[in-house]
Amino acid sequence: FFAPRKYFLGSYYDTYNFNISFIW
């Protein structure tokens, strides 16, 4: 929890952008 970045398919993404995309 509160990780600054999220890993997905070989790349890191900013947590805010990744989390909002996951909600959609």
PDB file of all heavy atoms in Angstrom:
ATOM      1  N   PHE A   1       0.831  -1.200   0.000  1.00  0.00           N
ATOM      2  CA  PHE A   1       0.000   0.000   0.000  1.00  0.00           C
ATOM      3  C   PHE A   1       0.867   1.251   0.000  1.00  0.00           C
ATOM      4  O   PHE A   1       1.909   1.297   0.654  1.00  0.00           O
ATOM      5  CB  PHE A   1      -0.913  -0.015   1.232  1.00  0.00           C
ATOM      6  CG  PHE A   1      -2.130   0.846   1.087  1.00  0.00           C
ATOM      7  CD1 PHE A   1      -2.889   0.821  -0.068  1.00  0.00           C
ATOM      8  CD2 PHE A   1      -2.528   1.684   2.121  1.00  0.00           C
ATOM      9  CE1 PHE A   1      -4.025   1.597  -0.201  1.00  0.00           C
ATOM     10  CE2 PHE A   1      -3.665   2.464   2.007  1.00  0.00           C
ATOM     11  CZ  PHE A   1      -4.416   2.427   0.837  1.00  0.00           C
ATOM     12  N   PHE A   2       0.439   2.256  -0.726  1.00  0.00           N
ATOM     13  CA  PHE A   2       1.137   3.544  -0.890  1.00  0.00           C
ATOM     14  C   PHE A   2       2.427   3.403  -1.693  1.00  0.00           C
ATOM     15  O   PHE A   2       3.357   4.195  -1.526  1.00  0.00           O
ATOM     16  CB  PHE A   2       1.448   4.198   0.457  1.00  0.00           C
ATOM     17  CG  PHE A   2       0.232   4.592   1.244  1.00  0.00           C
ATOM     18  CD1 PHE A   2       0.190   4.437   2.624  1.00  0.00           C
ATOM     19  CD2 PHE A   2      -0.885   5.129   0.616  1.00  0.00           C
ATOM     20  CE1 PHE A   2      -0.926   4.807   3.354  1.00  0.00           C
ATOM     21  CE2 PHE A   2      -2.010   5.499   1.342  1.00  0.00           C
ATOM     22  CZ  PHE A   2      -2.026   5.338   2.715  1.00  0.00           C
ATOM     23  N   ALA A   3       2.493   2.413  -2.564  1.00  0.00           N
ATOM     24  CA  ALA A   3       3.640   2.313  -3.467  1.00  0.00           C
ATOM     25  C   ALA A   3       3.636   3.508  -4.422  1.00  0.00           C
ATOM     26  O   ALA A   3       2.582   3.919  -4.898  1.00  0.00           O
ATOM     27  CB  ALA A   3       3.582   1.011  -4.261  1.00  0.00           C
ATOM     28  N   PRO A   4       4.808   4.090  -4.725  1.00  0.00           N
ATOM     29  CA  PRO A   4       4.838   5.260  -5.609  1.00  0.00           C
ATOM     30  C   PRO A   4       4.588   4.914  -7.066  1.00  0.00           C
ATOM     31  O   PRO A   4       4.150   5.752  -7.846  1.00  0.00           O
ATOM     32  CB  PRO A   4       6.257   5.806  -5.411  1.00  0.00           C
ATOM     33  CG  PRO A   4       7.063   4.600  -5.046  1.00  0.00           C
ATOM     34  CD  PRO A   4       6.145   3.737  -4.223  1.00  0.00           C
ATOM     35  N   ARG A   5       4.903   3.663  -7.436  1.00  0.00           N
ATOM     36  CA  ARG A   5       4.706   3.218  -8.819  1.00  0.00           C
ATOM     37  C   ARG A   5       4.132   1.807  -8.801  1.00  0.00           C
ATOM     38  O   ARG A   5       4.272   1.073  -7.839  1.00  0.00           O
ATOM     39  CB  ARG A   5       6.025   3.238  -9.596  1.00  0.00           C
ATOM     40  CG  ARG A   5       6.674   4.602  -9.697  1.00  0.00           C
ATOM     41  CD  ARG A   5       7.809   4.591 -10.719  1.00  0.00           C
ATOM     42  NE  ARG A   5       8.885   3.674 -10.350  1.00  0.00           N
ATOM     43  CZ  ARG A   5       9.919   3.383 -11.147  1.00  0.00           C
ATOM     44  NH1 ARG A   5       9.991   3.929 -12.346  1.00  0.00           N
ATOM     45  NH2 ARG A   5      10.864   2.565 -10.731  1.00  0.00           N
ATOM     46  N   LYS A   6       3.473   1.419  -9.911  1.00  0.00           N
ATOM     47  CA  LYS A   6       2.931   0.076 -10.057  1.00  0.00           C
ATOM     48  C   LYS A   6       3.553  -0.592 -11.276  1.00  0.00           C
ATOM     49  O   LYS A   6       3.750   0.049 -12.315  1.00  0.00           O
ATOM     50  CB  LYS A   6       1.407   0.118 -10.205  1.00  0.00           C
ATOM     51  CG  LYS A   6       0.681   0.696  -8.998  1.00  0.00           C
ATOM     52  CD  LYS A   6       0.894  -0.169  -7.769  1.00  0.00           C
ATOM     53  CE  LYS A   6       0.226   0.408  -6.536  1.00  0.00           C
ATOM     54  NZ  LYS A   6      -1.234   0.328  -6.572  1.00  0.00           N
ATOM     55  N   TYR A   7       3.849  -1.877 -11.125  1.00  0.00           N
ATOM     56  CA  TYR A   7       4.465  -2.645 -12.203  1.00  0.00           C
ATOM     57  C   TYR A   7       3.386  -3.348 -13.013  1.00  0.00           C
ATOM     58  O   TYR A   7       2.450  -3.919 -12.461  1.00  0.00           O
ATOM     59  CB  TYR A   7       5.432  -3.679 -11.612  1.00  0.00           C
ATOM     60  CG  TYR A   7       6.133  -4.528 -12.650  1.00  0.00           C
ATOM     61  CD1 TYR A   7       7.321  -4.088 -13.233  1.00  0.00           C
ATOM     62  CD2 TYR A   7       5.612  -5.742 -13.050  1.00  0.00           C
ATOM     63  CE1 TYR A   7       7.978  -4.866 -14.183  1.00  0.00           C
ATOM     64  CE2 TYR A   7       6.244  -6.523 -14.002  1.00  0.00           C
ATOM     65  CZ  TYR A   7       7.429  -6.083 -14.573  1.00  0.00           C
ATOM     66  OH  TYR A   7       8.070  -6.845 -15.512  1.00  0.00           O
ATOM     67  N   PHE A   8       3.529  -3.300 -14.351  1.00  0.00           N
ATOM     68  CA  PHE A   8       2.557  -3.988 -15.211  1.00  0.00           C
ATOM     69  C   PHE A   8       3.198  -4.294 -16.554  1.00  0.00           C
ATOM     70  O   PHE A   8       3.658  -3.389 -17.254  1.00  0.00           O
ATOM     71  CB  PHE A   8       1.311  -3.120 -15.405  1.00  0.00           C
ATOM     72  CG  PHE A   8       0.242  -3.771 -16.242  1.00  0.00           C
ATOM     73  CD1 PHE A   8      -0.405  -4.918 -15.809  1.00  0.00           C
ATOM     74  CD2 PHE A   8      -0.107  -3.236 -17.472  1.00  0.00           C
ATOM     75  CE1 PHE A   8      -1.393  -5.517 -16.573  1.00  0.00           C
ATOM     76  CE2 PHE A   8      -1.091  -3.830 -18.255  1.00  0.00           C
ATOM     77  CZ  PHE A   8      -1.742  -4.967 -17.805  1.00  0.00           C
ATOM     78  N   LEU A   9       3.274  -5.584 -16.884  1.00  0.00           N
ATOM     79  CA  LEU A   9       3.774  -6.048 -18.176  1.00  0.00           C
ATOM     80  C   LEU A   9       5.138  -5.443 -18.533  1.00  0.00           C
ATOM     81  O   LEU A   9       5.350  -4.917 -19.621  1.00  0.00           O
ATOM     82  CB  LEU A   9       2.757  -5.731 -19.281  1.00  0.00           C
ATOM     83  CG  LEU A   9       1.416  -6.475 -19.201  1.00  0.00           C
ATOM     84  CD1 LEU A   9       0.514  -6.048 -20.344  1.00  0.00           C
ATOM     85  CD2 LEU A   9       1.636  -7.985 -19.236  1.00  0.00           C
ATOM     86  N   GLY A  10       6.065  -5.501 -17.573  1.00  0.00           N
ATOM     87  CA  GLY A  10       7.430  -5.116 -17.852  1.00  0.00           C
ATOM     88  C   GLY A  10       7.773  -3.652 -17.661  1.00  0.00           C
ATOM     89  O   GLY A  10       8.917  -3.259 -17.895  1.00  0.00           O
ATOM     90  N   SER A  11       6.797  -2.826 -17.240  1.00  0.00           N
ATOM     91  CA  SER A  11       7.071  -1.400 -17.062  1.00  0.00           C
ATOM     92  C   SER A  11       6.451  -0.908 -15.761  1.00  0.00           C
ATOM     93  O   SER A  11       5.509  -1.514 -15.228  1.00  0.00           O
ATOM     94  CB  SER A  11       6.512  -0.585 -18.236  1.00  0.00           C
ATOM     95  OG  SER A  11       7.089  -0.983 -19.459  1.00  0.00           O
ATOM     96  N   TYR A  12       6.996   0.210 -15.265  1.00  0.00           N
ATOM     97  CA  TYR A  12       6.446   0.856 -14.087  1.00  0.00           C
ATOM     98  C   TYR A  12       5.582   2.056 -14.506  1.00  0.00           C
ATOM     99  O   TYR A  12       5.927   2.768 -15.452  1.00  0.00           O
ATOM    100  CB  TYR A  12       7.560   1.342 -13.153  1.00  0.00           C
ATOM    101  CG  TYR A  12       8.152   0.252 -12.293  1.00  0.00           C
ATOM    102  CD1 TYR A  12       9.341  -0.374 -12.654  1.00  0.00           C
ATOM    103  CD2 TYR A  12       7.523  -0.145 -11.111  1.00  0.00           C
ATOM    104  CE1 TYR A  12       9.887  -1.380 -11.871  1.00  0.00           C
ATOM    105  CE2 TYR A  12       8.068  -1.149 -10.314  1.00  0.00           C
ATOM    106  CZ  TYR A  12       9.246  -1.759 -10.694  1.00  0.00           C
ATOM    107  OH  TYR A  12       9.775  -2.743  -9.919  1.00  0.00           O
ATOM    108  N   TYR A  13       4.476   2.258 -13.775  1.00  0.00           N
ATOM    109  CA  TYR A  13       3.563   3.358 -14.055  1.00  0.00           C
ATOM    110  C   TYR A  13       3.265   4.114 -12.760  1.00  0.00           C
ATOM    111  O   TYR A  13       3.187   3.516 -11.690  1.00  0.00           O
ATOM    112  CB  TYR A  13       2.252   2.841 -14.659  1.00  0.00           C
ATOM    113  CG  TYR A  13       2.446   2.087 -15.959  1.00  0.00           C
ATOM    114  CD1 TYR A  13       2.651   0.703 -15.959  1.00  0.00           C
ATOM    115  CD2 TYR A  13       2.446   2.760 -17.176  1.00  0.00           C
ATOM    116  CE1 TYR A  13       2.833   0.007 -17.144  1.00  0.00           C
ATOM    117  CE2 TYR A  13       2.628   2.071 -18.371  1.00  0.00           C
ATOM    118  CZ  TYR A  13       2.818   0.700 -18.352  1.00  0.00           C
ATOM    119  OH  TYR A  13       3.013   0.012 -19.518  1.00  0.00           O
ATOM    120  N   ASP A  14       3.093   5.420 -12.901  1.00  0.00           N
ATOM    121  CA  ASP A  14       2.753   6.242 -11.752  1.00  0.00           C
ATOM    122  C   ASP A  14       1.511   5.706 -11.063  1.00  0.00           C
ATOM    123  O   ASP A  14       0.531   5.333 -11.725  1.00  0.00           O
ATOM    124  CB  ASP A  14       2.512   7.684 -12.216  1.00  0.00           C
ATOM    125  CG  ASP A  14       2.094   8.585 -11.078  1.00  0.00           C
ATOM    126  OD1 ASP A  14       2.967   8.989 -10.298  1.00  0.00           O
ATOM    127  OD2 ASP A  14       0.888   8.871 -10.972  1.00  0.00           O
ATOM    128  N   THR A  15       1.529   5.646  -9.744  1.00  0.00           N
ATOM    129  CA  THR A  15       0.438   5.033  -8.987  1.00  0.00           C
ATOM    130  C   THR A  15      -0.906   5.698  -9.267  1.00  0.00           C
ATOM    131  O   THR A  15      -1.928   5.011  -9.445  1.00  0.00           O
ATOM    132  CB  THR A  15       0.741   5.085  -7.477  1.00  0.00           C
ATOM    133  OG1 THR A  15       1.791   4.158  -7.182  1.00  0.00           O
ATOM    134  CG2 THR A  15      -0.476   4.706  -6.640  1.00  0.00           C
ATOM    135  N   TYR A  16      -0.937   7.016  -9.287  1.00  0.00           N
ATOM    136  CA  TYR A  16      -2.214   7.710  -9.509  1.00  0.00           C
ATOM    137  C   TYR A  16      -2.820   7.314 -10.852  1.00  0.00           C
ATOM    138  O   TYR A  16      -3.983   6.906 -10.930  1.00  0.00           O
ATOM    139  CB  TYR A  16      -2.017   9.219  -9.447  1.00  0.00           C
ATOM    140  CG  TYR A  16      -3.295   9.993  -9.671  1.00  0.00           C
ATOM    141  CD1 TYR A  16      -4.154  10.272  -8.613  1.00  0.00           C
ATOM    142  CD2 TYR A  16      -3.653  10.430 -10.944  1.00  0.00           C
ATOM    143  CE1 TYR A  16      -5.345  10.971  -8.817  1.00  0.00           C
ATOM    144  CE2 TYR A  16      -4.830  11.114 -11.164  1.00  0.00           C
ATOM    145  CZ  TYR A  16      -5.669  11.383 -10.099  1.00  0.00           C
ATOM    146  OH  TYR A  16      -6.846  12.056 -10.314  1.00  0.00           O
ATOM    147  N   ASN A  17      -2.024   7.389 -11.926  1.00  0.00           N
ATOM    148  CA  ASN A  17      -2.544   7.058 -13.254  1.00  0.00           C
ATOM    149  C   ASN A  17      -2.950   5.591 -13.349  1.00  0.00           C
ATOM    150  O   ASN A  17      -3.989   5.262 -13.938  1.00  0.00           O
ATOM    151  CB  ASN A  17      -1.484   7.370 -14.323  1.00  0.00           C
ATOM    152  CG  ASN A  17      -1.155   8.849 -14.395  1.00  0.00           C
ATOM    153  OD1 ASN A  17      -1.992   9.695 -14.099  1.00  0.00           O
ATOM    154  ND2 ASN A  17       0.069   9.163 -14.771  1.00  0.00           N
ATOM    155  N   PHE A  18      -2.139   4.711 -12.768  1.00  0.00           N
ATOM    156  CA  PHE A  18      -2.449   3.281 -12.840  1.00  0.00           C
ATOM    157  C   PHE A  18      -3.725   2.964 -12.059  1.00  0.00           C
ATOM    158  O   PHE A  18      -4.594   2.229 -12.547  1.00  0.00           O
ATOM    159  CB  PHE A  18      -1.282   2.458 -12.294  1.00  0.00           C
ATOM    160  CG  PHE A  18      -1.481   0.979 -12.430  1.00  0.00           C
ATOM    161  CD1 PHE A  18      -1.085   0.317 -13.581  1.00  0.00           C
ATOM    162  CD2 PHE A  18      -2.089   0.240 -11.417  1.00  0.00           C
ATOM    163  CE1 PHE A  18      -1.287  -1.049 -13.715  1.00  0.00           C
ATOM    164  CE2 PHE A  18      -2.291  -1.122 -11.538  1.00  0.00           C
ATOM    165  CZ  PHE A  18      -1.883  -1.773 -12.689  1.00  0.00           C
ATOM    166  N   ASN A  19      -3.842   3.517 -10.851  1.00  0.00           N
ATOM    167  CA  ASN A  19      -4.996   3.198 -10.017  1.00  0.00           C
ATOM    168  C   ASN A  19      -6.299   3.710 -10.629  1.00  0.00           C
ATOM    169  O   ASN A  19      -7.322   3.010 -10.610  1.00  0.00           O
ATOM    170  CB  ASN A  19      -4.818   3.804  -8.620  1.00  0.00           C
ATOM    171  CG  ASN A  19      -3.844   2.993  -7.778  1.00  0.00           C
ATOM    172  OD1 ASN A  19      -3.037   2.247  -8.308  1.00  0.00           O
ATOM    173  ND2 ASN A  19      -3.929   3.145  -6.481  1.00  0.00           N
ATOM    174  N   ILE A  20      -6.291   4.928 -11.159  1.00  0.00           N
ATOM    175  CA  ILE A  20      -7.498   5.461 -11.787  1.00  0.00           C
ATOM    176  C   ILE A  20      -7.870   4.616 -12.999  1.00  0.00           C
ATOM    177  O   ILE A  20      -9.053   4.309 -13.231  1.00  0.00           O
ATOM    178  CB  ILE A  20      -7.296   6.930 -12.187  1.00  0.00           C
ATOM    179  CG1 ILE A  20      -7.039   7.794 -10.943  1.00  0.00           C
ATOM    180  CG2 ILE A  20      -8.527   7.447 -12.937  1.00  0.00           C
ATOM    181  CD1 ILE A  20      -8.142   7.772  -9.911  1.00  0.00           C
ATOM    182  N   SER A  21      -6.874   4.198 -13.784  1.00  0.00           N
ATOM    183  CA  SER A  21      -7.147   3.329 -14.938  1.00  0.00           C
ATOM    184  C   SER A  21      -7.733   2.000 -14.501  1.00  0.00           C
ATOM    185  O   SER A  21      -8.630   1.454 -15.158  1.00  0.00           O
ATOM    186  CB  SER A  21      -5.854   3.090 -15.734  1.00  0.00           C
ATOM    187  OG  SER A  21      -5.323   4.305 -16.207  1.00  0.00           O
ATOM    188  N   PHE A  22      -7.251   1.475 -13.380  1.00  0.00           N
ATOM    189  CA  PHE A  22      -7.763   0.191 -12.895  1.00  0.00           C
ATOM    190  C   PHE A  22      -9.218   0.315 -12.440  1.00  0.00           C
ATOM    191  O   PHE A  22     -10.006  -0.622 -12.609  1.00  0.00           O
ATOM    192  CB  PHE A  22      -6.892  -0.332 -11.749  1.00  0.00           C
ATOM    193  CG  PHE A  22      -7.140  -1.780 -11.435  1.00  0.00           C
ATOM    194  CD1 PHE A  22      -6.503  -2.770 -12.162  1.00  0.00           C
ATOM    195  CD2 PHE A  22      -8.023  -2.154 -10.434  1.00  0.00           C
ATOM    196  CE1 PHE A  22      -6.735  -4.119 -11.878  1.00  0.00           C
ATOM    197  CE2 PHE A  22      -8.268  -3.488 -10.151  1.00  0.00           C
ATOM    198  CZ  PHE A  22      -7.621  -4.479 -10.881  1.00  0.00           C
ATOM    199  N   ILE A  23      -9.583   1.456 -11.859  1.00  0.00           N
ATOM    200  CA  ILE A  23     -10.980   1.675 -11.467  1.00  0.00           C
ATOM    201  C   ILE A  23     -11.882   1.632 -12.704  1.00  0.00           C
ATOM    202  O   ILE A  23     -12.969   1.046 -12.680  1.00  0.00           O
ATOM    203  CB  ILE A  23     -11.131   3.004 -10.724  1.00  0.00           C
ATOM    204  CG1 ILE A  23     -10.413   2.954  -9.381  1.00  0.00           C
ATOM    205  CG2 ILE A  23     -12.619   3.335 -10.499  1.00  0.00           C
ATOM    206  CD1 ILE A  23     -10.397   4.277  -8.639  1.00  0.00           C
ATOM    207  N   TRP A  24     -11.421   2.230 -13.802  1.00  0.00           N
ATOM    208  CA  TRP A  24     -12.220   2.197 -15.040  1.00  0.00           C
ATOM    209  C   TRP A  24     -12.269   0.798 -15.626  1.00  0.00           C
ATOM    210  O   TRP A  24     -13.275   0.404 -16.245  1.00  0.00           O
ATOM    211  CB  TRP A  24     -11.668   3.204 -16.040  1.00  0.00           C
ATOM    212  CG  TRP A  24     -12.049   4.604 -15.677  1.00  0.00           C
ATOM    213  CD1 TRP A  24     -11.302   5.518 -14.982  1.00  0.00           C
ATOM    214  CD2 TRP A  24     -13.304   5.252 -15.936  1.00  0.00           C
ATOM    215  NE1 TRP A  24     -12.010   6.678 -14.802  1.00  0.00           N
ATOM    216  CE2 TRP A  24     -13.226   6.563 -15.378  1.00  0.00           C
ATOM    217  CE3 TRP A  24     -14.466   4.863 -16.590  1.00  0.00           C
ATOM    218  CZ2 TRP A  24     -14.284   7.464 -15.461  1.00  0.00           C
ATOM    219  CZ3 TRP A  24     -15.527   5.757 -16.681  1.00  0.00           C
ATOM    220  CH2 TRP A  24     -15.431   7.038 -16.124  1.00  0.00           C
TER     221      TRP A  24
END
